[in-house]
Amino acid sequence: LVARRPLDDADDVGAVLISRLHHETSRPAWRRRGSGGELIAGLIPVATGPMSDDMATAPTQRQSRIESLARTLAETAIEHNEPG
């Protein structure tokens, strides 16, 4: 929360941090921002952080595959008028 945005221009750093904390904890856990805030297919946190290109290849490929499958499932459900 501290590193999210600069605090240089804040008149009351404590108030800013309390506001950020309140905002972060008032949202449901599944909507809270993770390290990158991104979710694969809206469900799985994206692998982030320092890693070599070789290490990043597998998660990137899996992300692509999961999103493709999720899209296919959603399109099939829509075509067959299946309930959500």
C-alpha atoms as a PDB file:
ATOM      1  CA  LEU A   1       0.000   0.000   0.000  1.00  0.00           C
ATOM      2  CA  VAL A   2       2.874   2.342   0.749  1.00  0.00           C
ATOM      3  CA  ALA A   3       4.655   1.715  -2.548  1.00  0.00           C
ATOM      4  CA  ARG A   4       1.518   1.806  -4.683  1.00  0.00           C
ATOM      5  CA  ARG A   5       1.810   5.563  -5.332  1.00  0.00           C
ATOM      6  CA  PRO A   6       4.179   8.282  -4.150  1.00  0.00           C
ATOM      7  CA  LEU A   7       3.432  10.046  -0.883  1.00  0.00           C
ATOM      8  CA  ASP A   8       5.575  13.135  -1.591  1.00  0.00           C
ATOM      9  CA  ASP A   9       2.614  15.451  -2.114  1.00  0.00           C
ATOM     10  CA  ALA A  10       0.470  14.129   0.756  1.00  0.00           C
ATOM     11  CA  ASP A  11      -0.385  16.646   3.475  1.00  0.00           C
ATOM     12  CA  ASP A  12      -1.169  13.832   5.913  1.00  0.00           C
ATOM     13  CA  VAL A  13       0.681  10.603   5.092  1.00  0.00           C
ATOM     14  CA  GLY A  14      -1.110   8.737   7.880  1.00  0.00           C
ATOM     15  CA  ALA A  15      -4.525   9.697   6.524  1.00  0.00           C
ATOM     16  CA  VAL A  16      -3.524   8.614   3.022  1.00  0.00           C
ATOM     17  CA  LEU A  17      -2.316   5.230   4.276  1.00  0.00           C
ATOM     18  CA  ILE A  18      -5.461   4.720   6.362  1.00  0.00           C
ATOM     19  CA  SER A  19      -7.576   5.543   3.311  1.00  0.00           C
ATOM     20  CA  ARG A  20      -5.636   3.085   1.140  1.00  0.00           C
ATOM     21  CA  LEU A  21      -5.917   0.386   3.802  1.00  0.00           C
ATOM     22  CA  HIS A  22      -9.657   0.966   4.173  1.00  0.00           C
ATOM     23  CA  HIS A  23     -10.147   0.847   0.405  1.00  0.00           C
ATOM     24  CA  GLU A  24      -8.112  -2.351   0.056  1.00  0.00           C
ATOM     25  CA  THR A  25      -9.801  -4.227   2.899  1.00  0.00           C
ATOM     26  CA  SER A  26     -13.352  -3.168   2.022  1.00  0.00           C
ATOM     27  CA  ARG A  27     -13.327  -5.147  -1.226  1.00  0.00           C
ATOM     28  CA  PRO A  28     -14.020  -8.894  -1.304  1.00  0.00           C
ATOM     29  CA  ALA A  29     -10.840 -10.987  -1.150  1.00  0.00           C
ATOM     30  CA  TRP A  30     -11.263 -12.253  -4.699  1.00  0.00           C
ATOM     31  CA  ARG A  31     -11.276  -8.682  -6.017  1.00  0.00           C
ATOM     32  CA  ARG A  32      -8.315  -7.436  -4.032  1.00  0.00           C
ATOM     33  CA  ARG A  33      -5.242  -6.432  -5.856  1.00  0.00           C
ATOM     34  CA  GLY A  34      -2.491  -9.009  -5.736  1.00  0.00           C
ATOM     35  CA  SER A  35       1.099  -8.318  -6.542  1.00  0.00           C
ATOM     36  CA  GLY A  36       0.126  -7.453 -10.100  1.00  0.00           C
ATOM     37  CA  GLY A  37      -3.586  -7.296  -9.737  1.00  0.00           C
ATOM     38  CA  GLU A  38      -4.146  -9.343 -12.812  1.00  0.00           C
ATOM     39  CA  LEU A  39      -6.132 -12.565 -12.855  1.00  0.00           C
ATOM     40  CA  ILE A  40      -6.097 -15.322 -15.441  1.00  0.00           C
ATOM     41  CA  ALA A  41      -9.668 -15.856 -16.660  1.00  0.00           C
ATOM     42  CA  GLY A  42     -10.735 -13.718 -13.711  1.00  0.00           C
ATOM     43  CA  LEU A  43      -9.752 -16.449 -11.259  1.00  0.00           C
ATOM     44  CA  ILE A  44      -6.052 -17.202 -10.931  1.00  0.00           C
ATOM     45  CA  PRO A  45      -3.379 -14.633 -10.020  1.00  0.00           C
ATOM     46  CA  VAL A  46      -0.837 -14.055 -12.768  1.00  0.00           C
ATOM     47  CA  ALA A  47       2.697 -15.154 -11.897  1.00  0.00           C
ATOM     48  CA  THR A  48       4.725 -11.981 -11.497  1.00  0.00           C
ATOM     49  CA  GLY A  49       8.008 -10.971 -10.081  1.00  0.00           C
ATOM     50  CA  PRO A  50      11.570 -11.319 -11.183  1.00  0.00           C
ATOM     51  CA  MET A  51      12.206 -14.414 -13.277  1.00  0.00           C
ATOM     52  CA  SER A  52      14.238 -15.360 -16.285  1.00  0.00           C
ATOM     53  CA  ASP A  53      12.644 -15.583 -19.704  1.00  0.00           C
ATOM     54  CA  ASP A  54      12.928 -19.364 -19.509  1.00  0.00           C
ATOM     55  CA  MET A  55      11.070 -19.421 -16.191  1.00  0.00           C
ATOM     56  CA  ALA A  56       8.339 -17.121 -17.537  1.00  0.00           C
ATOM     57  CA  THR A  57       7.621 -19.258 -20.595  1.00  0.00           C
ATOM     58  CA  ALA A  58       5.600 -22.004 -18.873  1.00  0.00           C
ATOM     59  CA  PRO A  59       3.272 -19.696 -16.891  1.00  0.00           C
ATOM     60  CA  THR A  60       2.715 -17.550 -19.982  1.00  0.00           C
ATOM     61  CA  GLN A  61       1.824 -20.602 -22.062  1.00  0.00           C
ATOM     62  CA  ARG A  62      -0.513 -21.889 -19.349  1.00  0.00           C
ATOM     63  CA  GLN A  63      -2.167 -18.486 -19.048  1.00  0.00           C
ATOM     64  CA  SER A  64      -2.826 -18.431 -22.778  1.00  0.00           C
ATOM     65  CA  ARG A  65      -4.254 -21.950 -22.716  1.00  0.00           C
ATOM     66  CA  ILE A  66      -6.496 -21.312 -19.686  1.00  0.00           C
ATOM     67  CA  GLU A  67      -7.870 -18.105 -21.211  1.00  0.00           C
ATOM     68  CA  SER A  68      -8.495 -19.856 -24.522  1.00  0.00           C
ATOM     69  CA  LEU A  69     -10.359 -22.693 -22.811  1.00  0.00           C
ATOM     70  CA  ALA A  70     -12.389 -20.277 -20.696  1.00  0.00           C
ATOM     71  CA  ARG A  71     -13.363 -18.333 -23.814  1.00  0.00           C
ATOM     72  CA  THR A  72     -14.374 -21.540 -25.613  1.00  0.00           C
ATOM     73  CA  LEU A  73     -16.466 -22.692 -22.648  1.00  0.00           C
ATOM     74  CA  ALA A  74     -18.207 -19.316 -22.425  1.00  0.00           C
ATOM     75  CA  GLU A  75     -18.937 -19.229 -26.168  1.00  0.00           C
ATOM     76  CA  THR A  76     -20.314 -22.793 -26.045  1.00  0.00           C
ATOM     77  CA  ALA A  77     -22.525 -21.917 -23.079  1.00  0.00           C
ATOM     78  CA  ILE A  78     -23.858 -18.868 -24.920  1.00  0.00           C
ATOM     79  CA  GLU A  79     -24.529 -20.871 -28.099  1.00  0.00           C
ATOM     80  CA  HIS A  80     -26.484 -23.493 -26.144  1.00  0.00           C
ATOM     81  CA  ASN A  81     -28.267 -20.882 -24.007  1.00  0.00           C
ATOM     82  CA  GLU A  82     -26.943 -22.531 -20.847  1.00  0.00           C
ATOM     83  CA  PRO A  83     -27.501 -20.773 -17.536  1.00  0.00           C
ATOM     84  CA  GLY A  84     -24.521 -18.986 -15.950  1.00  0.00           C
END
